[in-house]
PDB file of N, CA and C in Angstrom:
ATOM      1  N   UNK A   1      -3.891 -50.396  68.364  1.00  0.00           N
ATOM      2  CA  UNK A   1      -3.485 -50.463  67.556  1.00  0.00           C
ATOM      3  C   UNK A   1      -4.448 -50.144  66.115  1.00  0.00           C
ATOM      4  N   UNK A   2      -5.579 -50.250  66.444  1.00  0.00           N
ATOM      5  CA  UNK A   2      -6.767 -49.852  65.602  1.00  0.00           C
ATOM      6  C   UNK A   2      -6.247 -48.356  65.156  1.00  0.00           C
ATOM      7  N   UNK A   3      -5.997 -47.412  65.724  1.00  0.00           N
ATOM      8  CA  UNK A   3      -5.588 -46.173  65.489  1.00  0.00           C
ATOM      9  C   UNK A   3      -4.321 -46.273  64.283  1.00  0.00           C
ATOM     10  N   UNK A   4      -3.286 -46.917  64.779  1.00  0.00           N
ATOM     11  CA  UNK A   4      -2.565 -46.922  64.039  1.00  0.00           C
ATOM     12  C   UNK A   4      -2.773 -47.496  63.028  1.00  0.00           C
ATOM     13  N   UNK A   5      -3.424 -48.462  62.231  1.00  0.00           N
ATOM     14  CA  UNK A   5      -4.075 -49.359  61.342  1.00  0.00           C
ATOM     15  C   UNK A   5      -5.192 -48.168  60.378  1.00  0.00           C
ATOM     16  N   UNK A   6      -5.453 -47.211  61.199  1.00  0.00           N
ATOM     17  CA  UNK A   6      -6.491 -46.471  60.469  1.00  0.00           C
ATOM     18  C   UNK A   6      -5.822 -45.080  60.093  1.00  0.00           C
ATOM     19  N   UNK A   7      -4.743 -44.741  60.561  1.00  0.00           N
ATOM     20  CA  UNK A   7      -3.736 -43.819  59.786  1.00  0.00           C
ATOM     21  C   UNK A   7      -2.839 -43.985  58.855  1.00  0.00           C
ATOM     22  N   UNK A   8      -2.406 -45.268  58.688  1.00  0.00           N
ATOM     23  CA  UNK A   8      -1.585 -45.825  57.660  1.00  0.00           C
ATOM     24  C   UNK A   8      -1.836 -45.516  56.247  1.00  0.00           C
ATOM     25  N   UNK A   9      -3.093 -45.687  55.979  1.00  0.00           N
ATOM     26  CA  UNK A   9      -3.717 -45.373  54.475  1.00  0.00           C
ATOM     27  C   UNK A   9      -3.672 -43.805  54.419  1.00  0.00           C
ATOM     28  N   UNK A  10      -4.202 -43.018  55.338  1.00  0.00           N
ATOM     29  CA  UNK A  10      -3.782 -41.560  55.017  1.00  0.00           C
ATOM     30  C   UNK A  10      -2.526 -40.852  54.782  1.00  0.00           C
ATOM     31  N   UNK A  11      -1.572 -41.796  55.530  1.00  0.00           N
ATOM     32  CA  UNK A  11      -0.449 -41.441  55.726  1.00  0.00           C
ATOM     33  C   UNK A  11       0.308 -41.648  54.515  1.00  0.00           C
ATOM     34  N   UNK A  12       0.081 -42.732  53.869  1.00  0.00           N
ATOM     35  CA  UNK A  12       0.485 -43.126  52.758  1.00  0.00           C
ATOM     36  C   UNK A  12       0.112 -42.005  51.695  1.00  0.00           C
ATOM     37  N   UNK A  13      -1.051 -41.673  51.366  1.00  0.00           N
ATOM     38  CA  UNK A  13      -1.950 -41.059  50.824  1.00  0.00           C
ATOM     39  C   UNK A  13      -1.019 -39.536  50.615  1.00  0.00           C
ATOM     40  N   UNK A  14      -1.174 -38.989  51.815  1.00  0.00           N
ATOM     41  CA  UNK A  14      -0.610 -37.465  52.032  1.00  0.00           C
ATOM     42  C   UNK A  14       0.781 -37.842  51.577  1.00  0.00           C
ATOM     43  N   UNK A  15       1.708 -39.025  51.946  1.00  0.00           N
ATOM     44  CA  UNK A  15       3.213 -38.617  51.328  1.00  0.00           C
ATOM     45  C   UNK A  15       3.035 -38.773  49.925  1.00  0.00           C
ATOM     46  N   UNK A  16       2.053 -39.507  49.410  1.00  0.00           N
ATOM     47  CA  UNK A  16       1.768 -39.554  47.716  1.00  0.00           C
ATOM     48  C   UNK A  16       1.804 -38.282  46.907  1.00  0.00           C
ATOM     49  N   UNK A  17       0.972 -37.474  48.243  1.00  0.00           N
ATOM     50  CA  UNK A  17       0.291 -36.162  47.410  1.00  0.00           C
ATOM     51  C   UNK A  17       1.729 -35.187  47.408  1.00  0.00           C
ATOM     52  N   UNK A  18       2.244 -35.381  48.747  1.00  0.00           N
ATOM     53  CA  UNK A  18       3.284 -34.245  48.662  1.00  0.00           C
ATOM     54  C   UNK A  18       4.215 -34.736  47.765  1.00  0.00           C
ATOM     55  N   UNK A  19       4.713 -35.991  47.534  1.00  0.00           N
ATOM     56  CA  UNK A  19       6.043 -36.066  46.613  1.00  0.00           C
ATOM     57  C   UNK A  19       5.321 -35.828  45.184  1.00  0.00           C
ATOM     58  N   UNK A  20       4.336 -36.280  44.708  1.00  0.00           N
ATOM     59  CA  UNK A  20       4.122 -35.527  43.503  1.00  0.00           C
ATOM     60  C   UNK A  20       3.961 -34.147  43.188  1.00  0.00           C
ATOM     61  N   UNK A  21       3.109 -33.251  44.308  1.00  0.00           N
ATOM     62  CA  UNK A  21       2.833 -32.011  44.409  1.00  0.00           C
ATOM     63  C   UNK A  21       4.500 -31.171  44.340  1.00  0.00           C
ATOM     64  N   UNK A  22       5.356 -31.853  44.932  1.00  0.00           N
ATOM     65  CA  UNK A  22       6.587 -31.177  45.105  1.00  0.00           C
ATOM     66  C   UNK A  22       7.323 -31.636  43.721  1.00  0.00           C
ATOM     67  N   UNK A  23       7.275 -32.538  43.174  1.00  0.00           N
ATOM     68  CA  UNK A  23       7.659 -32.566  41.390  1.00  0.00           C
ATOM     69  C   UNK A  23       7.041 -32.101  40.634  1.00  0.00           C
ATOM     70  N   UNK A  24       5.586 -31.663  40.892  1.00  0.00           N
ATOM     71  CA  UNK A  24       4.895 -30.779  39.615  1.00  0.00           C
ATOM     72  C   UNK A  24       5.148 -29.112  39.843  1.00  0.00           C
ATOM     73  N   UNK A  25       5.675 -29.001  41.136  1.00  0.00           N
ATOM     74  CA  UNK A  25       6.251 -27.575  40.967  1.00  0.00           C
ATOM     75  C   UNK A  25       8.004 -27.416  40.788  1.00  0.00           C
ATOM     76  N   UNK A  26       8.775 -28.338  41.242  1.00  0.00           N
ATOM     77  CA  UNK A  26      10.030 -27.910  41.277  1.00  0.00           C
ATOM     78  C   UNK A  26      10.851 -29.246  40.643  1.00  0.00           C
ATOM     79  N   UNK A  27       9.943 -29.916  39.993  1.00  0.00           N
ATOM     80  CA  UNK A  27      10.666 -30.972  39.495  1.00  0.00           C
ATOM     81  C   UNK A  27      11.097 -30.745  38.265  1.00  0.00           C
ATOM     82  N   UNK A  28      11.962 -31.691  37.276  1.00  0.00           N
ATOM     83  CA  UNK A  28      12.443 -31.403  36.384  1.00  0.00           C
ATOM     84  C   UNK A  28      11.630 -30.722  34.980  1.00  0.00           C
ATOM     85  N   UNK A  29      10.445 -31.411  34.953  1.00  0.00           N
ATOM     86  CA  UNK A  29       9.398 -30.820  34.061  1.00  0.00           C
ATOM     87  C   UNK A  29       8.154 -29.969  34.916  1.00  0.00           C
ATOM     88  N   UNK A  30       8.495 -29.569  35.804  1.00  0.00           N
ATOM     89  CA  UNK A  30       7.550 -28.781  36.662  1.00  0.00           C
ATOM     90  C   UNK A  30       7.219 -27.599  36.117  1.00  0.00           C
ATOM     91  N   UNK A  31       6.576 -26.928  37.064  1.00  0.00           N
ATOM     92  CA  UNK A  31       6.292 -25.510  36.838  1.00  0.00           C
ATOM     93  C   UNK A  31       7.170 -24.530  36.641  1.00  0.00           C
ATOM     94  N   UNK A  32       8.552 -24.493  37.535  1.00  0.00           N
ATOM     95  CA  UNK A  32       9.622 -23.564  37.571  1.00  0.00           C
ATOM     96  C   UNK A  32      10.289 -24.154  36.280  1.00  0.00           C
ATOM     97  N   UNK A  33      10.405 -25.445  35.647  1.00  0.00           N
ATOM     98  CA  UNK A  33      11.241 -25.780  34.684  1.00  0.00           C
ATOM     99  C   UNK A  33      10.348 -25.083  33.306  1.00  0.00           C
ATOM    100  N   UNK A  34       9.033 -25.121  33.612  1.00  0.00           N
ATOM    101  CA  UNK A  34       8.280 -24.627  32.507  1.00  0.00           C
ATOM    102  C   UNK A  34       8.597 -22.939  32.071  1.00  0.00           C
ATOM    103  N   UNK A  35       8.514 -22.379  33.499  1.00  0.00           N
ATOM    104  CA  UNK A  35       9.171 -21.196  33.366  1.00  0.00           C
ATOM    105  C   UNK A  35      10.540 -20.872  32.464  1.00  0.00           C
ATOM    106  N   UNK A  36      11.579 -21.457  32.843  1.00  0.00           N
ATOM    107  CA  UNK A  36      13.120 -21.626  32.297  1.00  0.00           C
ATOM    108  C   UNK A  36      12.616 -22.040  30.916  1.00  0.00           C
ATOM    109  N   UNK A  37      12.126 -22.901  30.372  1.00  0.00           N
ATOM    110  CA  UNK A  37      12.025 -23.169  29.180  1.00  0.00           C
ATOM    111  C   UNK A  37      11.240 -22.352  28.399  1.00  0.00           C
ATOM    112  N   UNK A  38      10.271 -21.468  28.846  1.00  0.00           N
ATOM    113  CA  UNK A  38       9.686 -20.448  28.073  1.00  0.00           C
ATOM    114  C   UNK A  38      10.836 -19.115  28.080  1.00  0.00           C
ATOM    115  N   UNK A  39      11.727 -18.776  28.889  1.00  0.00           N
ATOM    116  CA  UNK A  39      12.186 -18.087  28.596  1.00  0.00           C
ATOM    117  C   UNK A  39      13.436 -18.197  27.492  1.00  0.00           C
ATOM    118  N   UNK A  40      13.996 -19.691  27.742  1.00  0.00           N
ATOM    119  CA  UNK A  40      14.926 -19.848  26.334  1.00  0.00           C
ATOM    120  C   UNK A  40      14.307 -19.849  25.219  1.00  0.00           C
ATOM    121  N   UNK A  41      12.896 -20.536  25.019  1.00  0.00           N
ATOM    122  CA  UNK A  41      12.160 -20.298  23.879  1.00  0.00           C
ATOM    123  C   UNK A  41      12.173 -18.974  22.928  1.00  0.00           C
ATOM    124  N   UNK A  42      11.358 -18.066  23.905  1.00  0.00           N
ATOM    125  CA  UNK A  42      11.824 -16.575  23.730  1.00  0.00           C
ATOM    126  C   UNK A  42      13.254 -16.337  22.909  1.00  0.00           C
ATOM    127  N   UNK A  43      14.382 -16.681  23.637  1.00  0.00           N
ATOM    128  CA  UNK A  43      15.554 -16.312  23.029  1.00  0.00           C
ATOM    129  C   UNK A  43      15.972 -16.727  21.642  1.00  0.00           C
ATOM    130  N   UNK A  44      15.442 -18.222  21.733  1.00  0.00           N
ATOM    131  CA  UNK A  44      15.504 -18.994  20.399  1.00  0.00           C
ATOM    132  C   UNK A  44      15.016 -18.378  19.174  1.00  0.00           C
ATOM    133  N   UNK A  45      13.468 -18.033  19.787  1.00  0.00           N
ATOM    134  CA  UNK A  45      12.798 -17.287  18.683  1.00  0.00           C
ATOM    135  C   UNK A  45      13.330 -16.044  18.190  1.00  0.00           C
ATOM    136  N   UNK A  46      14.156 -15.064  19.099  1.00  0.00           N
ATOM    137  CA  UNK A  46      14.902 -14.056  18.515  1.00  0.00           C
ATOM    138  C   UNK A  46      15.672 -14.369  17.393  1.00  0.00           C
ATOM    139  N   UNK A  47      16.537 -15.189  17.714  1.00  0.00           N
ATOM    140  CA  UNK A  47      17.805 -15.843  17.531  1.00  0.00           C
ATOM    141  C   UNK A  47      17.352 -16.112  15.724  1.00  0.00           C
ATOM    142  N   UNK A  48      16.102 -17.234  15.741  1.00  0.00           N
ATOM    143  CA  UNK A  48      15.617 -17.207  14.435  1.00  0.00           C
ATOM    144  C   UNK A  48      14.924 -16.356  13.552  1.00  0.00           C
ATOM    145  N   UNK A  49      14.185 -15.696  14.148  1.00  0.00           N
ATOM    146  CA  UNK A  49      13.943 -14.115  13.049  1.00  0.00           C
ATOM    147  C   UNK A  49      15.090 -14.074  12.691  1.00  0.00           C
ATOM    148  N   UNK A  50      16.222 -13.322  13.460  1.00  0.00           N
ATOM    149  CA  UNK A  50      17.277 -12.794  12.982  1.00  0.00           C
ATOM    150  C   UNK A  50      18.168 -13.743  11.804  1.00  0.00           C
ATOM    151  N   UNK A  51      18.070 -14.862  11.879  1.00  0.00           N
ATOM    152  CA  UNK A  51      18.723 -15.744  11.081  1.00  0.00           C
ATOM    153  C   UNK A  51      17.583 -15.544   9.626  1.00  0.00           C
ATOM    154  N   UNK A  52      16.529 -15.469   9.891  1.00  0.00           N
ATOM    155  CA  UNK A  52      15.798 -15.774   8.960  1.00  0.00           C
ATOM    156  C   UNK A  52      15.757 -14.190   8.184  1.00  0.00           C
ATOM    157  N   UNK A  53      15.957 -13.221   9.093  1.00  0.00           N
ATOM    158  CA  UNK A  53      15.934 -11.611   8.125  1.00  0.00           C
ATOM    159  C   UNK A  53      17.230 -12.136   7.276  1.00  0.00           C
ATOM    160  N   UNK A  54      18.623 -12.367   7.532  1.00  0.00           N
ATOM    161  CA  UNK A  54      19.513 -12.457   7.063  1.00  0.00           C
ATOM    162  C   UNK A  54      19.747 -13.615   5.811  1.00  0.00           C
ATOM    163  N   UNK A  55      18.954 -14.401   6.252  1.00  0.00           N
ATOM    164  CA  UNK A  55      18.654 -15.437   4.529  1.00  0.00           C
ATOM    165  C   UNK A  55      18.056 -14.736   3.716  1.00  0.00           C
ATOM    166  N   UNK A  56      17.018 -13.826   4.276  1.00  0.00           N
ATOM    167  CA  UNK A  56      16.089 -13.385   3.118  1.00  0.00           C
ATOM    168  C   UNK A  56      16.750 -12.161   2.446  1.00  0.00           C
ATOM    169  N   UNK A  57      17.917 -11.363   3.366  1.00  0.00           N
ATOM    170  CA  UNK A  57      18.530 -10.338   2.508  1.00  0.00           C
ATOM    171  C   UNK A  57      19.641 -11.520   1.341  1.00  0.00           C
ATOM    172  N   UNK A  58      20.179 -11.864   1.936  1.00  0.00           N
ATOM    173  CA  UNK A  58      20.910 -12.976   1.112  1.00  0.00           C
ATOM    174  C   UNK A  58      20.501 -13.581  -0.091  1.00  0.00           C
ATOM    175  N   UNK A  59      19.346 -13.962   0.131  1.00  0.00           N
ATOM    176  CA  UNK A  59      18.621 -14.402  -1.121  1.00  0.00           C
ATOM    177  C   UNK A  59      18.084 -13.400  -1.765  1.00  0.00           C
ATOM    178  N   UNK A  60      17.775 -12.292  -1.485  1.00  0.00           N
ATOM    179  CA  UNK A  60      17.586 -10.981  -2.756  1.00  0.00           C
ATOM    180  C   UNK A  60      19.136 -10.729  -3.322  1.00  0.00           C
ATOM    181  N   UNK A  61      20.051 -10.841  -2.358  1.00  0.00           N
ATOM    182  CA  UNK A  61      21.186 -10.385  -3.297  1.00  0.00           C
ATOM    183  C   UNK A  61      21.539 -11.760  -4.338  1.00  0.00           C
ATOM    184  N   UNK A  62      21.407 -12.913  -4.161  1.00  0.00           N
ATOM    185  CA  UNK A  62      21.434 -13.876  -5.098  1.00  0.00           C
ATOM    186  C   UNK A  62      20.697 -13.352  -6.352  1.00  0.00           C
ATOM    187  N   UNK A  63      19.556 -13.349  -5.747  1.00  0.00           N
ATOM    188  CA  UNK A  63      18.330 -13.097  -7.011  1.00  0.00           C
ATOM    189  C   UNK A  63      18.755 -11.617  -7.765  1.00  0.00           C
ATOM    190  N   UNK A  64      19.161 -10.689  -7.247  1.00  0.00           N
ATOM    191  CA  UNK A  64      19.912  -9.542  -8.140  1.00  0.00           C
ATOM    192  C   UNK A  64      21.071 -10.075  -9.095  1.00  0.00           C
ATOM    193  N   UNK A  65      21.642 -11.296  -8.607  1.00  0.00           N
ATOM    194  CA  UNK A  65      23.077 -11.573  -9.437  1.00  0.00           C
ATOM    195  C   UNK A  65      22.618 -12.702 -10.529  1.00  0.00           C
ATOM    196  N   UNK A  66      21.418 -12.804 -10.557  1.00  0.00           N
ATOM    197  CA  UNK A  66      21.205 -14.059 -11.601  1.00  0.00           C
ATOM    198  C   UNK A  66      21.133 -13.848 -13.029  1.00  0.00           C
ATOM    199  N   UNK A  67      21.693 -14.495 -13.765  1.00  0.00           N
ATOM    200  CA  UNK A  67      22.051 -14.578 -15.544  1.00  0.00           C
ATOM    201  C   UNK A  67      20.889 -13.710 -15.798  1.00  0.00           C
ATOM    202  N   UNK A  68      21.125 -12.838 -16.843  1.00  0.00           N
ATOM    203  CA  UNK A  68      19.800 -12.328 -17.527  1.00  0.00           C
ATOM    204  C   UNK A  68      18.952 -10.951 -17.000  1.00  0.00           C
ATOM    205  N   UNK A  69      19.189 -10.513 -15.659  1.00  0.00           N
ATOM    206  CA  UNK A  69      18.498  -9.811 -15.087  1.00  0.00           C
ATOM    207  C   UNK A  69      19.347  -9.262 -13.732  1.00  0.00           C
ATOM    208  N   UNK A  70      20.988  -9.545 -13.832  1.00  0.00           N
ATOM    209  CA  UNK A  70      21.522  -9.146 -13.074  1.00  0.00           C
ATOM    210  C   UNK A  70      21.706  -7.397 -12.808  1.00  0.00           C
ATOM    211  N   UNK A  71      22.082  -7.245 -11.688  1.00  0.00           N
ATOM    212  CA  UNK A  71      21.922  -5.743 -11.019  1.00  0.00           C
ATOM    213  C   UNK A  71      23.503  -5.148 -11.273  1.00  0.00           C
ATOM    214  N   UNK A  72      23.602  -4.388 -12.489  1.00  0.00           N
ATOM    215  CA  UNK A  72      25.225  -3.981 -12.593  1.00  0.00           C
ATOM    216  C   UNK A  72      25.666  -3.346 -11.043  1.00  0.00           C
ATOM    217  N   UNK A  73      25.501  -2.641 -10.873  1.00  0.00           N
ATOM    218  CA  UNK A  73      25.994  -1.868  -9.371  1.00  0.00           C
ATOM    219  C   UNK A  73      26.468  -3.237  -8.266  1.00  0.00           C
ATOM    220  N   UNK A  74      25.410  -4.241  -8.332  1.00  0.00           N
ATOM    221  CA  UNK A  74      25.744  -5.417  -7.499  1.00  0.00           C
ATOM    222  C   UNK A  74      26.956  -6.287  -7.947  1.00  0.00           C
ATOM    223  N   UNK A  75      27.015  -6.380  -9.110  1.00  0.00           N
ATOM    224  CA  UNK A  75      27.684  -7.083 -10.356  1.00  0.00           C
ATOM    225  C   UNK A  75      29.296  -6.448  -9.575  1.00  0.00           C
ATOM    226  N   UNK A  76      29.559  -5.089  -9.914  1.00  0.00           N
ATOM    227  CA  UNK A  76      30.153  -4.432  -9.609  1.00  0.00           C
ATOM    228  C   UNK A  76      31.087  -4.739  -8.428  1.00  0.00           C
ATOM    229  N   UNK A  77      29.774  -4.306  -7.206  1.00  0.00           N
ATOM    230  CA  UNK A  77      30.407  -4.478  -5.920  1.00  0.00           C
ATOM    231  C   UNK A  77      31.186  -5.763  -5.406  1.00  0.00           C
ATOM    232  N   UNK A  78      30.599  -6.895  -5.906  1.00  0.00           N
ATOM    233  CA  UNK A  78      31.149  -8.226  -5.544  1.00  0.00           C
ATOM    234  C   UNK A  78      32.607  -8.458  -6.472  1.00  0.00           C
ATOM    235  N   UNK A  79      32.549  -7.958  -7.712  1.00  0.00           N
ATOM    236  CA  UNK A  79      33.726  -8.324  -8.696  1.00  0.00           C
ATOM    237  C   UNK A  79      34.922  -7.392  -7.882  1.00  0.00           C
ATOM    238  N   UNK A  80      34.353  -6.065  -7.465  1.00  0.00           N
ATOM    239  CA  UNK A  80      35.358  -5.098  -6.791  1.00  0.00           C
ATOM    240  C   UNK A  80      35.962  -6.040  -5.279  1.00  0.00           C
ATOM    241  N   UNK A  81      35.150  -6.585  -4.658  1.00  0.00           N
ATOM    242  CA  UNK A  81      35.325  -7.280  -3.432  1.00  0.00           C
ATOM    243  C   UNK A  81      36.187  -8.158  -3.489  1.00  0.00           C
ATOM    244  N   UNK A  82      35.844  -9.054  -4.843  1.00  0.00           N
ATOM    245  CA  UNK A  82      36.820 -10.455  -5.065  1.00  0.00           C
ATOM    246  C   UNK A  82      37.962  -9.897  -5.664  1.00  0.00           C
ATOM    247  N   UNK A  83      38.087  -9.089  -6.482  1.00  0.00           N
ATOM    248  CA  UNK A  83      39.166  -8.763  -7.077  1.00  0.00           C
ATOM    249  C   UNK A  83      40.585  -7.926  -6.163  1.00  0.00           C
ATOM    250  N   UNK A  84      39.816  -6.962  -5.557  1.00  0.00           N
ATOM    251  CA  UNK A  84      40.594  -6.760  -4.474  1.00  0.00           C
ATOM    252  C   UNK A  84      41.237  -7.307  -3.027  1.00  0.00           C
ATOM    253  N   UNK A  85      40.393  -8.067  -2.648  1.00  0.00           N
ATOM    254  CA  UNK A  85      40.133  -8.672  -1.284  1.00  0.00           C
ATOM    255  C   UNK A  85      40.178  -7.429  -0.412  1.00  0.00           C
ATOM    256  N   UNK A  86      38.981  -6.743  -0.443  1.00  0.00           N
ATOM    257  CA  UNK A  86      39.052  -5.766   0.389  1.00  0.00           C
ATOM    258  C   UNK A  86      38.309  -6.043   1.894  1.00  0.00           C
ATOM    259  N   UNK A  87      38.527  -5.851   3.023  1.00  0.00           N
ATOM    260  CA  UNK A  87      37.533  -6.194   4.069  1.00  0.00           C
ATOM    261  C   UNK A  87      36.852  -4.867   4.631  1.00  0.00           C
ATOM    262  N   UNK A  88      35.795  -5.043   5.111  1.00  0.00           N
ATOM    263  CA  UNK A  88      34.372  -4.151   5.111  1.00  0.00           C
ATOM    264  C   UNK A  88      34.626  -2.799   5.675  1.00  0.00           C
ATOM    265  N   UNK A  89      34.816  -1.889   5.161  1.00  0.00           N
ATOM    266  CA  UNK A  89      35.170  -0.603   5.703  1.00  0.00           C
ATOM    267  C   UNK A  89      36.304   0.299   4.893  1.00  0.00           C
ATOM    268  N   UNK A  90      37.318  -0.894   4.058  1.00  0.00           N
ATOM    269  CA  UNK A  90      38.013  -0.106   3.503  1.00  0.00           C
ATOM    270  C   UNK A  90      37.500   0.067   2.067  1.00  0.00           C
ATOM    271  N   UNK A  91      38.504   1.248   1.818  1.00  0.00           N
ATOM    272  CA  UNK A  91      38.145   1.602   0.470  1.00  0.00           C
ATOM    273  C   UNK A  91      39.085   1.355  -0.726  1.00  0.00           C
ATOM    274  N   UNK A  92      38.387   1.242  -1.659  1.00  0.00           N
ATOM    275  CA  UNK A  92      39.823   0.796  -2.802  1.00  0.00           C
ATOM    276  C   UNK A  92      39.656   2.071  -3.900  1.00  0.00           C
ATOM    277  N   UNK A  93      40.884   2.449  -4.377  1.00  0.00           N
ATOM    278  CA  UNK A  93      41.287   3.662  -5.369  1.00  0.00           C
ATOM    279  C   UNK A  93      41.446   2.817  -6.458  1.00  0.00           C
ATOM    280  N   UNK A  94      41.056   2.867  -7.482  1.00  0.00           N
ATOM    281  CA  UNK A  94      41.577   2.403  -8.732  1.00  0.00           C
ATOM    282  C   UNK A  94      42.549   3.113  -9.032  1.00  0.00           C
ATOM    283  N   UNK A  95      43.821   2.615  -9.756  1.00  0.00           N
ATOM    284  CA  UNK A  95      45.010   3.731 -10.389  1.00  0.00           C
ATOM    285  C   UNK A  95      44.506   3.422 -11.941  1.00  0.00           C
ATOM    286  N   UNK A  96      45.141   4.593 -12.611  1.00  0.00           N
ATOM    287  CA  UNK A  96      45.243   4.671 -14.199  1.00  0.00           C
ATOM    288  C   UNK A  96      46.275   3.502 -14.655  1.00  0.00           C
ATOM    289  N   UNK A  97      45.550   3.234 -15.716  1.00  0.00           N
ATOM    290  CA  UNK A  97      46.720   2.117 -16.557  1.00  0.00           C
ATOM    291  C   UNK A  97      47.883   3.120 -16.894  1.00  0.00           C
ATOM    292  N   UNK A  98      49.212   2.598 -16.744  1.00  0.00           N
ATOM    293  CA  UNK A  98      50.331   3.308 -17.562  1.00  0.00           C
ATOM    294  C   UNK A  98      50.600   2.763 -18.814  1.00  0.00           C
TER     295      UNK A  98
END
């Protein structure tokens, strides 16, 4: 009886260590989940960099269209796209007025 009583505390401690050890590695917030989260973060950072590059490109085009210092070539390009309703890769050939 004394032997069983003496083994209860170490058994409970070993079970607690095993339980928390398991969830430290394979739990929802464990080391394996950390690796998955880091991979997902890397993908999200790449997407963010692409979106930032697109935004900078668009901001540059907006700056070129500001009144007072508009780029004539860009103004012509935008107006041609608006007036002819062209899609990317399509070529518009102006007709001579009659």
